[in-house]
PDB file of N, CA and C in Angstrom:
ATOM      1  N   MET A   1      19.898 292.156 122.126  1.00  0.00           N
ATOM      2  CA  MET A   1      19.866 290.779 123.215  1.00  0.00           C
ATOM      3  C   MET A   1      20.022 291.298 124.966  1.00  0.00           C
ATOM      4  N   PRO A   2      18.983 291.295 125.702  1.00  0.00           N
ATOM      5  CA  PRO A   2      18.726 291.052 126.930  1.00  0.00           C
ATOM      6  C   PRO A   2      19.935 291.388 127.868  1.00  0.00           C
ATOM      7  N   LYS A   3      20.097 291.552 128.882  1.00  0.00           N
ATOM      8  CA  LYS A   3      21.070 291.285 129.708  1.00  0.00           C
ATOM      9  C   LYS A   3      20.518 290.663 130.914  1.00  0.00           C
ATOM     10  N   TYR A   4      21.456 289.861 131.806  1.00  0.00           N
ATOM     11  CA  TYR A   4      20.979 288.582 132.755  1.00  0.00           C
ATOM     12  C   TYR A   4      21.627 288.982 133.854  1.00  0.00           C
ATOM     13  N   ILE A   5      21.320 288.826 135.294  1.00  0.00           N
ATOM     14  CA  ILE A   5      21.769 288.840 136.310  1.00  0.00           C
ATOM     15  C   ILE A   5      21.990 287.414 136.534  1.00  0.00           C
ATOM     16  N   LEU A   6      22.991 286.858 136.454  1.00  0.00           N
ATOM     17  CA  LEU A   6      22.943 285.043 137.088  1.00  0.00           C
ATOM     18  C   LEU A   6      22.627 285.197 138.688  1.00  0.00           C
ATOM     19  N   GLN A   7      21.475 284.365 139.049  1.00  0.00           N
ATOM     20  CA  GLN A   7      21.181 284.391 140.364  1.00  0.00           C
ATOM     21  C   GLN A   7      20.592 282.971 140.220  1.00  0.00           C
ATOM     22  N   GLU A   8      20.623 282.830 142.074  1.00  0.00           N
ATOM     23  CA  GLU A   8      19.968 281.183 142.044  1.00  0.00           C
ATOM     24  C   GLU A   8      18.715 280.883 141.145  1.00  0.00           C
ATOM     25  N   ASN A   9      17.782 281.939 141.267  1.00  0.00           N
ATOM     26  CA  ASN A   9      16.214 281.796 140.790  1.00  0.00           C
ATOM     27  C   ASN A   9      16.314 282.247 139.377  1.00  0.00           C
ATOM     28  N   SER A  10      17.711 282.502 138.614  1.00  0.00           N
ATOM     29  CA  SER A  10      17.370 283.198 137.654  1.00  0.00           C
ATOM     30  C   SER A  10      18.335 282.320 136.328  1.00  0.00           C
ATOM     31  N   LYS A  11      18.631 280.644 136.868  1.00  0.00           N
ATOM     32  CA  LYS A  11      19.501 280.233 135.929  1.00  0.00           C
ATOM     33  C   LYS A  11      18.867 279.313 135.164  1.00  0.00           C
ATOM     34  N   ASP A  12      17.985 278.896 135.360  1.00  0.00           N
ATOM     35  CA  ASP A  12      17.113 278.004 134.445  1.00  0.00           C
ATOM     36  C   ASP A  12      16.471 279.059 133.206  1.00  0.00           C
ATOM     37  N   ASN A  13      15.973 280.216 133.779  1.00  0.00           N
ATOM     38  CA  ASN A  13      15.535 281.307 132.607  1.00  0.00           C
ATOM     39  C   ASN A  13      16.336 281.380 131.438  1.00  0.00           C
ATOM     40  N   ILE A  14      18.032 281.728 132.056  1.00  0.00           N
ATOM     41  CA  ILE A  14      19.352 281.945 131.110  1.00  0.00           C
ATOM     42  C   ILE A  14      19.466 280.726 130.217  1.00  0.00           C
ATOM     43  N   LEU A  15      19.960 279.823 130.997  1.00  0.00           N
ATOM     44  CA  LEU A  15      19.887 278.355 130.270  1.00  0.00           C
ATOM     45  C   LEU A  15      18.967 278.351 128.933  1.00  0.00           C
ATOM     46  N   LYS A  16      17.465 278.385 129.239  1.00  0.00           N
ATOM     47  CA  LYS A  16      16.371 277.974 128.494  1.00  0.00           C
ATOM     48  C   LYS A  16      16.800 279.050 127.280  1.00  0.00           C
ATOM     49  N   ARG A  17      16.853 280.587 127.508  1.00  0.00           N
ATOM     50  CA  ARG A  17      16.923 281.344 126.505  1.00  0.00           C
ATOM     51  C   ARG A  17      18.183 281.177 125.675  1.00  0.00           C
ATOM     52  N   ILE A  18      19.352 280.689 125.789  1.00  0.00           N
ATOM     53  CA  ILE A  18      20.481 280.464 125.462  1.00  0.00           C
ATOM     54  C   ILE A  18      20.100 279.144 124.733  1.00  0.00           C
ATOM     55  N   SER A  19      19.895 278.603 125.022  1.00  0.00           N
ATOM     56  CA  SER A  19      19.321 276.753 124.191  1.00  0.00           C
ATOM     57  C   SER A  19      18.400 277.538 123.232  1.00  0.00           C
ATOM     58  N   SER A  20      17.382 278.656 123.122  1.00  0.00           N
ATOM     59  CA  SER A  20      16.734 278.806 122.281  1.00  0.00           C
ATOM     60  C   SER A  20      17.478 279.344 120.943  1.00  0.00           C
ATOM     61  N   LEU A  21      18.507 280.237 121.419  1.00  0.00           N
ATOM     62  CA  LEU A  21      19.497 280.837 120.204  1.00  0.00           C
ATOM     63  C   LEU A  21      18.856 279.807 118.695  1.00  0.00           C
ATOM     64  N   ASP A  22      18.957 280.651 117.879  1.00  0.00           N
ATOM     65  CA  ASP A  22      18.954 279.752 116.790  1.00  0.00           C
ATOM     66  C   ASP A  22      20.998 279.594 116.139  1.00  0.00           C
ATOM     67  N   PRO A  23      21.164 278.160 116.378  1.00  0.00           N
ATOM     68  CA  PRO A  23      21.950 277.141 115.762  1.00  0.00           C
ATOM     69  C   PRO A  23      22.629 277.630 114.307  1.00  0.00           C
ATOM     70  N   SER A  24      22.418 278.569 113.837  1.00  0.00           N
ATOM     71  CA  SER A  24      22.579 278.405 112.696  1.00  0.00           C
ATOM     72  C   SER A  24      23.309 279.806 112.473  1.00  0.00           C
ATOM     73  N   LYS A  25      22.854 280.880 113.420  1.00  0.00           N
ATOM     74  CA  LYS A  25      23.724 282.135 113.587  1.00  0.00           C
ATOM     75  C   LYS A  25      24.710 281.696 114.774  1.00  0.00           C
ATOM     76  N   LYS A  26      25.954 282.854 114.302  1.00  0.00           N
ATOM     77  CA  LYS A  26      26.897 282.731 115.359  1.00  0.00           C
ATOM     78  C   LYS A  26      26.670 283.929 116.507  1.00  0.00           C
ATOM     79  N   TRP A  27      26.713 283.532 117.750  1.00  0.00           N
ATOM     80  CA  TRP A  27      26.300 284.181 119.215  1.00  0.00           C
ATOM     81  C   TRP A  27      27.736 284.687 119.780  1.00  0.00           C
ATOM     82  N   THR A  28      27.654 285.773 120.456  1.00  0.00           N
ATOM     83  CA  THR A  28      28.366 286.609 121.035  1.00  0.00           C
ATOM     84  C   THR A  28      28.020 286.489 122.543  1.00  0.00           C
ATOM     85  N   ILE A  29      28.570 285.480 123.625  1.00  0.00           N
ATOM     86  CA  ILE A  29      27.919 285.397 124.626  1.00  0.00           C
ATOM     87  C   ILE A  29      28.939 286.118 126.162  1.00  0.00           C
ATOM     88  N   SER A  30      29.026 287.062 126.656  1.00  0.00           N
ATOM     89  CA  SER A  30      30.149 287.510 127.492  1.00  0.00           C
ATOM     90  C   SER A  30      29.457 287.100 129.340  1.00  0.00           C
ATOM     91  N   ILE A  31      30.386 286.578 129.787  1.00  0.00           N
ATOM     92  CA  ILE A  31      30.238 286.517 131.257  1.00  0.00           C
ATOM     93  C   ILE A  31      30.927 287.094 132.048  1.00  0.00           C
ATOM     94  N   ASP A  32      30.637 288.711 132.928  1.00  0.00           N
ATOM     95  CA  ASP A  32      31.634 289.594 133.532  1.00  0.00           C
ATOM     96  C   ASP A  32      30.640 288.790 135.220  1.00  0.00           C
ATOM     97  N   LEU A  33      31.861 289.506 136.019  1.00  0.00           N
ATOM     98  CA  LEU A  33      31.280 289.334 137.683  1.00  0.00           C
ATOM     99  C   LEU A  33      30.569 290.451 137.596  1.00  0.00           C
ATOM    100  N   TYR A  34      29.533 290.254 138.283  1.00  0.00           N
ATOM    101  CA  TYR A  34      28.665 291.392 138.728  1.00  0.00           C
ATOM    102  C   TYR A  34      28.612 292.128 139.569  1.00  0.00           C
ATOM    103  N   LYS A  35      28.802 294.050 139.468  1.00  0.00           N
ATOM    104  CA  LYS A  35      28.969 295.077 140.510  1.00  0.00           C
ATOM    105  C   LYS A  35      27.989 295.794 140.627  1.00  0.00           C
ATOM    106  N   SER A  36      27.248 295.813 141.712  1.00  0.00           N
ATOM    107  CA  SER A  36      26.366 297.001 142.303  1.00  0.00           C
ATOM    108  C   SER A  36      27.187 298.452 141.540  1.00  0.00           C
ATOM    109  N   ASN A  37      26.073 299.171 141.035  1.00  0.00           N
ATOM    110  CA  ASN A  37      26.734 300.382 140.916  1.00  0.00           C
ATOM    111  C   ASN A  37      26.124 301.311 142.150  1.00  0.00           C
ATOM    112  N   ARG A  38      26.464 302.384 142.647  1.00  0.00           N
ATOM    113  CA  ARG A  38      26.382 303.230 143.766  1.00  0.00           C
ATOM    114  C   ARG A  38      24.438 303.220 143.202  1.00  0.00           C
ATOM    115  N   SER A  39      24.786 303.868 144.714  1.00  0.00           N
ATOM    116  CA  SER A  39      23.258 303.674 144.962  1.00  0.00           C
ATOM    117  C   SER A  39      22.595 305.610 144.810  1.00  0.00           C
ATOM    118  N   LEU A  40      21.513 305.797 144.644  1.00  0.00           N
ATOM    119  CA  LEU A  40      20.910 306.743 144.613  1.00  0.00           C
ATOM    120  C   LEU A  40      20.905 307.386 145.828  1.00  0.00           C
ATOM    121  N   ASP A  41      21.043 307.313 146.902  1.00  0.00           N
ATOM    122  CA  ASP A  41      21.177 307.777 148.050  1.00  0.00           C
ATOM    123  C   ASP A  41      22.246 308.333 148.215  1.00  0.00           C
ATOM    124  N   GLN A  42      23.599 307.414 147.597  1.00  0.00           N
ATOM    125  CA  GLN A  42      24.769 307.226 147.813  1.00  0.00           C
ATOM    126  C   GLN A  42      25.011 308.899 146.831  1.00  0.00           C
ATOM    127  N   ASN A  43      24.563 308.707 145.908  1.00  0.00           N
ATOM    128  CA  ASN A  43      24.820 309.823 144.782  1.00  0.00           C
ATOM    129  C   ASN A  43      24.304 310.852 145.529  1.00  0.00           C
ATOM    130  N   ALA A  44      23.611 311.116 146.323  1.00  0.00           N
ATOM    131  CA  ALA A  44      22.268 312.644 146.723  1.00  0.00           C
ATOM    132  C   ALA A  44      23.476 313.003 147.584  1.00  0.00           C
ATOM    133  N   ARG A  45      23.747 312.269 148.263  1.00  0.00           N
ATOM    134  CA  ARG A  45      24.708 312.619 149.802  1.00  0.00           C
ATOM    135  C   ARG A  45      25.836 313.451 148.789  1.00  0.00           C
ATOM    136  N   LEU A  46      26.696 312.525 148.043  1.00  0.00           N
ATOM    137  CA  LEU A  46      28.029 313.363 147.318  1.00  0.00           C
ATOM    138  C   LEU A  46      27.218 314.645 146.829  1.00  0.00           C
ATOM    139  N   TRP A  47      26.453 314.531 146.615  1.00  0.00           N
ATOM    140  CA  TRP A  47      26.101 316.054 145.990  1.00  0.00           C
ATOM    141  C   TRP A  47      25.688 317.215 146.620  1.00  0.00           C
ATOM    142  N   LYS A  48      25.142 316.724 147.748  1.00  0.00           N
ATOM    143  CA  LYS A  48      24.908 317.597 149.002  1.00  0.00           C
ATOM    144  C   LYS A  48      26.310 318.081 149.405  1.00  0.00           C
ATOM    145  N   LEU A  49      27.655 317.325 149.448  1.00  0.00           N
ATOM    146  CA  LEU A  49      28.557 317.170 149.933  1.00  0.00           C
ATOM    147  C   LEU A  49      29.245 318.798 148.953  1.00  0.00           C
ATOM    148  N   HIS A  50      28.914 318.552 147.775  1.00  0.00           N
ATOM    149  CA  HIS A  50      29.362 319.240 147.014  1.00  0.00           C
ATOM    150  C   HIS A  50      28.778 321.027 146.943  1.00  0.00           C
ATOM    151  N   ALA A  51      27.401 320.657 147.185  1.00  0.00           N
ATOM    152  CA  ALA A  51      27.006 321.955 147.154  1.00  0.00           C
ATOM    153  C   ALA A  51      27.460 322.717 148.461  1.00  0.00           C
ATOM    154  N   LEU A  52      27.766 322.127 149.371  1.00  0.00           N
ATOM    155  CA  LEU A  52      28.348 323.026 150.600  1.00  0.00           C
ATOM    156  C   LEU A  52      30.023 323.080 150.149  1.00  0.00           C
ATOM    157  N   ALA A  53      30.107 322.836 149.578  1.00  0.00           N
ATOM    158  CA  ALA A  53      32.040 322.687 149.111  1.00  0.00           C
ATOM    159  C   ALA A  53      31.701 323.877 148.294  1.00  0.00           C
ATOM    160  N   ALA A  54      30.556 323.417 147.200  1.00  0.00           N
ATOM    161  CA  ALA A  54      30.566 325.159 146.513  1.00  0.00           C
ATOM    162  C   ALA A  54      30.462 326.221 147.296  1.00  0.00           C
ATOM    163  N   GLN A  55      29.534 326.542 148.181  1.00  0.00           N
ATOM    164  CA  GLN A  55      29.196 328.061 149.000  1.00  0.00           C
ATOM    165  C   GLN A  55      30.454 328.073 149.714  1.00  0.00           C
ATOM    166  N   HIS A  56      31.307 327.240 150.010  1.00  0.00           N
ATOM    167  CA  HIS A  56      32.667 327.473 150.793  1.00  0.00           C
ATOM    168  C   HIS A  56      33.668 328.047 150.024  1.00  0.00           C
ATOM    169  N   THR A  57      33.707 327.541 148.206  1.00  0.00           N
ATOM    170  CA  THR A  57      34.477 328.185 147.641  1.00  0.00           C
ATOM    171  C   THR A  57      34.309 328.782 146.698  1.00  0.00           C
ATOM    172  N   GLY A  58      33.049 329.339 146.014  1.00  0.00           N
ATOM    173  CA  GLY A  58      32.235 330.258 144.938  1.00  0.00           C
ATOM    174  C   GLY A  58      32.455 329.680 143.675  1.00  0.00           C
ATOM    175  N   TYR A  59      32.685 328.132 143.501  1.00  0.00           N
ATOM    176  CA  TYR A  59      32.994 327.255 142.555  1.00  0.00           C
ATOM    177  C   TYR A  59      31.378 326.721 142.471  1.00  0.00           C
ATOM    178  N   SER A  60      31.122 326.455 141.543  1.00  0.00           N
ATOM    179  CA  SER A  60      29.432 325.511 141.395  1.00  0.00           C
ATOM    180  C   SER A  60      29.957 324.516 141.618  1.00  0.00           C
ATOM    181  N   ALA A  61      28.918 323.621 141.668  1.00  0.00           N
ATOM    182  CA  ALA A  61      28.560 322.302 142.397  1.00  0.00           C
ATOM    183  C   ALA A  61      29.460 321.676 141.631  1.00  0.00           C
ATOM    184  N   GLN A  62      29.067 321.963 140.092  1.00  0.00           N
ATOM    185  CA  GLN A  62      29.425 320.976 139.236  1.00  0.00           C
ATOM    186  C   GLN A  62      30.981 320.943 139.275  1.00  0.00           C
ATOM    187  N   ASP A  63      31.919 322.038 138.851  1.00  0.00           N
ATOM    188  CA  ASP A  63      33.023 322.271 138.709  1.00  0.00           C
ATOM    189  C   ASP A  63      33.346 321.685 139.983  1.00  0.00           C
ATOM    190  N   VAL A  64      33.040 321.362 141.803  1.00  0.00           N
ATOM    191  CA  VAL A  64      33.871 320.705 142.810  1.00  0.00           C
ATOM    192  C   VAL A  64      34.090 319.463 142.147  1.00  0.00           C
ATOM    193  N   HIS A  65      32.804 319.246 141.943  1.00  0.00           N
ATOM    194  CA  HIS A  65      32.372 317.532 141.418  1.00  0.00           C
ATOM    195  C   HIS A  65      33.700 317.353 140.260  1.00  0.00           C
ATOM    196  N   ASP A  66      33.857 318.417 139.164  1.00  0.00           N
ATOM    197  CA  ASP A  66      34.992 317.784 138.484  1.00  0.00           C
ATOM    198  C   ASP A  66      36.546 317.833 139.107  1.00  0.00           C
ATOM    199  N   ILE A  67      36.668 318.559 140.266  1.00  0.00           N
ATOM    200  CA  ILE A  67      37.614 319.122 140.755  1.00  0.00           C
ATOM    201  C   ILE A  67      38.166 317.707 141.756  1.00  0.00           C
ATOM    202  N   SER A  68      37.097 317.790 142.583  1.00  0.00           N
ATOM    203  CA  SER A  68      37.213 316.292 143.158  1.00  0.00           C
ATOM    204  C   SER A  68      37.322 315.065 142.444  1.00  0.00           C
ATOM    205  N   LEU A  69      37.145 314.705 141.178  1.00  0.00           N
ATOM    206  CA  LEU A  69      36.698 313.598 140.073  1.00  0.00           C
ATOM    207  C   LEU A  69      38.675 313.061 140.277  1.00  0.00           C
ATOM    208  N   ALA A  70      38.871 314.926 139.563  1.00  0.00           N
ATOM    209  CA  ALA A  70      40.367 314.663 138.985  1.00  0.00           C
ATOM    210  C   ALA A  70      41.239 314.740 140.559  1.00  0.00           C
ATOM    211  N   ARG A  71      41.225 315.092 141.430  1.00  0.00           N
ATOM    212  CA  ARG A  71      41.824 315.103 142.739  1.00  0.00           C
ATOM    213  C   ARG A  71      42.102 313.638 142.886  1.00  0.00           C
ATOM    214  N   HIS A  72      40.447 312.045 142.785  1.00  0.00           N
ATOM    215  CA  HIS A  72      40.861 311.367 143.609  1.00  0.00           C
ATOM    216  C   HIS A  72      41.285 310.407 142.233  1.00  0.00           C
ATOM    217  N   PHE A  73      41.086 310.547 140.987  1.00  0.00           N
ATOM    218  CA  PHE A  73      41.494 309.034 139.719  1.00  0.00           C
ATOM    219  C   PHE A  73      42.713 310.056 138.927  1.00  0.00           C
ATOM    220  N   GLY A  74      42.733 311.363 138.980  1.00  0.00           N
ATOM    221  CA  GLY A  74      44.183 311.741 138.173  1.00  0.00           C
ATOM    222  C   GLY A  74      42.586 312.551 136.615  1.00  0.00           C
ATOM    223  N   THR A  75      43.857 313.037 135.925  1.00  0.00           N
ATOM    224  CA  THR A  75      43.032 313.553 134.575  1.00  0.00           C
ATOM    225  C   THR A  75      44.272 313.056 133.350  1.00  0.00           C
ATOM    226  N   ARG A  76      43.237 313.140 132.058  1.00  0.00           N
ATOM    227  CA  ARG A  76      43.838 313.499 130.697  1.00  0.00           C
ATOM    228  C   ARG A  76      43.615 314.398 130.037  1.00  0.00           C
ATOM    229  N   ARG A  77      44.232 314.966 128.828  1.00  0.00           N
ATOM    230  CA  ARG A  77      43.999 316.017 128.471  1.00  0.00           C
ATOM    231  C   ARG A  77      42.964 315.770 127.079  1.00  0.00           C
ATOM    232  N   LEU A  78      42.508 316.488 126.693  1.00  0.00           N
ATOM    233  CA  LEU A  78      41.300 316.307 125.278  1.00  0.00           C
ATOM    234  C   LEU A  78      41.883 318.057 124.861  1.00  0.00           C
ATOM    235  N   GLY A  79      43.141 318.142 123.813  1.00  0.00           N
ATOM    236  CA  GLY A  79      43.297 319.430 123.250  1.00  0.00           C
ATOM    237  C   GLY A  79      44.047 320.132 124.879  1.00  0.00           C
ATOM    238  N   SER A  80      42.840 321.335 124.616  1.00  0.00           N
ATOM    239  CA  SER A  80      43.410 322.104 126.079  1.00  0.00           C
ATOM    240  C   SER A  80      42.286 321.746 127.089  1.00  0.00           C
ATOM    241  N   ILE A  81      41.448 321.036 126.957  1.00  0.00           N
ATOM    242  CA  ILE A  81      40.566 320.509 127.998  1.00  0.00           C
ATOM    243  C   ILE A  81      41.088 319.168 129.149  1.00  0.00           C
ATOM    244  N   ILE A  82      41.034 319.818 130.095  1.00  0.00           N
ATOM    245  CA  ILE A  82      41.454 318.452 130.795  1.00  0.00           C
ATOM    246  C   ILE A  82      40.080 317.814 131.751  1.00  0.00           C
ATOM    247  N   ILE A  83      40.290 316.512 131.740  1.00  0.00           N
ATOM    248  CA  ILE A  83      39.221 315.912 132.108  1.00  0.00           C
ATOM    249  C   ILE A  83      39.524 314.631 132.877  1.00  0.00           C
ATOM    250  N   PRO A  84      38.562 314.565 133.878  1.00  0.00           N
ATOM    251  CA  PRO A  84      38.906 313.605 135.133  1.00  0.00           C
ATOM    252  C   PRO A  84      38.500 311.910 134.050  1.00  0.00           C
ATOM    253  N   LEU A  85      40.196 310.651 134.933  1.00  0.00           N
ATOM    254  CA  LEU A  85      39.962 309.607 134.229  1.00  0.00           C
ATOM    255  C   LEU A  85      38.653 309.277 134.451  1.00  0.00           C
ATOM    256  N   LYS A  86      37.840 309.250 135.228  1.00  0.00           N
ATOM    257  CA  LYS A  86      36.538 308.467 135.485  1.00  0.00           C
ATOM    258  C   LYS A  86      35.721 309.084 136.211  1.00  0.00           C
ATOM    259  N   ARG A  87      34.199 308.780 135.716  1.00  0.00           N
ATOM    260  CA  ARG A  87      33.106 309.882 136.497  1.00  0.00           C
ATOM    261  C   ARG A  87      32.839 309.000 137.348  1.00  0.00           C
ATOM    262  N   SER A  88      31.529 309.589 138.513  1.00  0.00           N
ATOM    263  CA  SER A  88      31.355 308.811 139.721  1.00  0.00           C
ATOM    264  C   SER A  88      30.023 307.882 139.218  1.00  0.00           C
ATOM    265  N   SER A  89      29.555 308.207 137.966  1.00  0.00           N
ATOM    266  CA  SER A  89      28.354 306.834 137.301  1.00  0.00           C
ATOM    267  C   SER A  89      29.384 305.533 137.210  1.00  0.00           C
ATOM    268  N   GLU A  90      30.400 305.649 137.060  1.00  0.00           N
ATOM    269  CA  GLU A  90      31.130 304.685 136.687  1.00  0.00           C
ATOM    270  C   GLU A  90      31.313 303.451 137.277  1.00  0.00           C
ATOM    271  N   LEU A  91      31.471 303.970 138.959  1.00  0.00           N
ATOM    272  CA  LEU A  91      31.913 303.489 139.919  1.00  0.00           C
ATOM    273  C   LEU A  91      30.188 302.214 140.435  1.00  0.00           C
ATOM    274  N   SER A  92      31.443 301.186 141.122  1.00  0.00           N
ATOM    275  CA  SER A  92      30.687 300.444 141.976  1.00  0.00           C
ATOM    276  C   SER A  92      30.291 300.885 143.133  1.00  0.00           C
ATOM    277  N   ALA A  93      29.549 300.367 144.084  1.00  0.00           N
ATOM    278  CA  ALA A  93      29.260 300.652 144.831  1.00  0.00           C
ATOM    279  C   ALA A  93      30.090 300.733 146.271  1.00  0.00           C
ATOM    280  N   ALA A  94      31.065 299.720 146.408  1.00  0.00           N
ATOM    281  CA  ALA A  94      32.280 299.539 147.015  1.00  0.00           C
ATOM    282  C   ALA A  94      32.823 300.829 146.573  1.00  0.00           C
ATOM    283  N   GLU A  95      33.616 300.939 144.883  1.00  0.00           N
ATOM    284  CA  GLU A  95      34.807 302.120 144.778  1.00  0.00           C
ATOM    285  C   GLU A  95      34.108 303.626 144.929  1.00  0.00           C
ATOM    286  N   PHE A  96      32.391 304.094 145.019  1.00  0.00           N
ATOM    287  CA  PHE A  96      32.108 304.805 145.353  1.00  0.00           C
ATOM    288  C   PHE A  96      32.527 305.196 146.698  1.00  0.00           C
ATOM    289  N   SER A  97      32.053 304.329 147.763  1.00  0.00           N
ATOM    290  CA  SER A  97      31.870 304.576 148.839  1.00  0.00           C
ATOM    291  C   SER A  97      33.670 305.156 149.211  1.00  0.00           C
ATOM    292  N   GLU A  98      34.388 303.781 148.694  1.00  0.00           N
ATOM    293  CA  GLU A  98      36.046 304.767 148.989  1.00  0.00           C
ATOM    294  C   GLU A  98      36.395 306.209 148.605  1.00  0.00           C
ATOM    295  N   TYR A  99      35.508 306.343 147.370  1.00  0.00           N
ATOM    296  CA  TYR A  99      35.784 307.558 146.849  1.00  0.00           C
ATOM    297  C   TYR A  99      34.701 309.068 147.898  1.00  0.00           C
ATOM    298  N   MET A 100      33.910 308.199 147.946  1.00  0.00           N
ATOM    299  CA  MET A 100      33.130 309.392 148.938  1.00  0.00           C
ATOM    300  C   MET A 100      33.929 310.125 150.356  1.00  0.00           C
ATOM    301  N   THR A 101      34.098 308.303 150.966  1.00  0.00           N
ATOM    302  CA  THR A 101      34.979 308.507 152.153  1.00  0.00           C
ATOM    303  C   THR A 101      35.964 309.485 152.210  1.00  0.00           C
ATOM    304  N   GLN A 102      36.863 309.392 150.759  1.00  0.00           N
ATOM    305  CA  GLN A 102      38.381 309.963 150.868  1.00  0.00           C
ATOM    306  C   GLN A 102      37.947 311.883 150.794  1.00  0.00           C
ATOM    307  N   THR A 103      36.719 311.659 149.686  1.00  0.00           N
ATOM    308  CA  THR A 103      36.104 312.694 149.492  1.00  0.00           C
ATOM    309  C   THR A 103      35.852 314.198 150.801  1.00  0.00           C
ATOM    310  N   GLU A 104      34.725 313.062 151.364  1.00  0.00           N
ATOM    311  CA  GLU A 104      33.983 313.528 152.864  1.00  0.00           C
ATOM    312  C   GLU A 104      35.557 314.123 153.380  1.00  0.00           C
ATOM    313  N   ALA A 105      36.577 312.936 154.039  1.00  0.00           N
ATOM    314  CA  ALA A 105      37.983 313.812 154.460  1.00  0.00           C
ATOM    315  C   ALA A 105      38.751 315.073 154.122  1.00  0.00           C
ATOM    316  N   PHE A 106      38.846 315.091 152.971  1.00  0.00           N
ATOM    317  CA  PHE A 106      39.485 316.123 151.667  1.00  0.00           C
ATOM    318  C   PHE A 106      38.832 317.409 152.309  1.00  0.00           C
ATOM    319  N   TYR A 107      37.032 316.894 151.960  1.00  0.00           N
ATOM    320  CA  TYR A 107      36.368 318.482 152.411  1.00  0.00           C
ATOM    321  C   TYR A 107      36.545 319.196 153.636  1.00  0.00           C
ATOM    322  N   ALA A 108      36.269 318.204 154.790  1.00  0.00           N
ATOM    323  CA  ALA A 108      36.815 318.377 155.917  1.00  0.00           C
ATOM    324  C   ALA A 108      38.194 319.416 156.639  1.00  0.00           C
ATOM    325  N   THR A 109      39.159 318.302 156.045  1.00  0.00           N
ATOM    326  CA  THR A 109      40.369 318.573 156.221  1.00  0.00           C
ATOM    327  C   THR A 109      40.897 320.036 156.211  1.00  0.00           C
ATOM    328  N   GLN A 110      40.674 319.776 154.333  1.00  0.00           N
ATOM    329  CA  GLN A 110      40.952 321.237 153.695  1.00  0.00           C
ATOM    330  C   GLN A 110      39.891 322.474 153.153  1.00  0.00           C
ATOM    331  N   LEU A 111      38.924 322.542 153.626  1.00  0.00           N
ATOM    332  CA  LEU A 111      37.884 322.966 153.510  1.00  0.00           C
ATOM    333  C   LEU A 111      37.088 323.647 154.806  1.00  0.00           C
ATOM    334  N   GLY A 112      37.298 322.305 155.940  1.00  0.00           N
ATOM    335  CA  GLY A 112      36.313 322.576 156.752  1.00  0.00           C
ATOM    336  C   GLY A 112      34.464 322.449 156.806  1.00  0.00           C
ATOM    337  N   VAL A 113      34.703 321.503 155.586  1.00  0.00           N
ATOM    338  CA  VAL A 113      33.006 321.400 155.130  1.00  0.00           C
ATOM    339  C   VAL A 113      32.593 319.625 155.673  1.00  0.00           C
ATOM    340  N   PHE A 114      31.797 319.621 156.080  1.00  0.00           N
ATOM    341  CA  PHE A 114      31.332 318.342 156.413  1.00  0.00           C
ATOM    342  C   PHE A 114      29.604 318.580 156.693  1.00  0.00           C
ATOM    343  N   LEU A 115      29.157 317.191 156.437  1.00  0.00           N
ATOM    344  CA  LEU A 115      27.720 317.146 156.501  1.00  0.00           C
ATOM    345  C   LEU A 115      27.181 316.868 157.777  1.00  0.00           C
ATOM    346  N   ASP A 116      26.247 317.713 158.436  1.00  0.00           N
ATOM    347  CA  ASP A 116      25.524 317.987 159.590  1.00  0.00           C
ATOM    348  C   ASP A 116      24.710 316.255 159.395  1.00  0.00           C
ATOM    349  N   GLU A 117      24.990 314.991 160.256  1.00  0.00           N
ATOM    350  CA  GLU A 117      24.069 314.129 160.128  1.00  0.00           C
ATOM    351  C   GLU A 117      22.774 314.275 161.055  1.00  0.00           C
TER     352      GLU A 117
END
């Protein structure tokens, strides 16, 4: 079943779709508050920063990304493997912005790494 984002101009289409459902069947309909995901520009900026931190530390950009996620969100164990509790792809735009701000501050103060604008 498709997902819809309820906006002023989509309300009628959503109501039509619901009313067209076969009433002899059971349907699950869930409504959640919409949150926009991080943008591609936000993600590109983060990976530029990770690339600089990787050059500075000798780790790969993926390694510093995982370390950054673990530092910010905490970790869980899967046997001998340590996994960050959250991935950046799961964050809303607002959550990603906060994560980015803290990551930039950490890299600047602890590693002397920052993006030139």
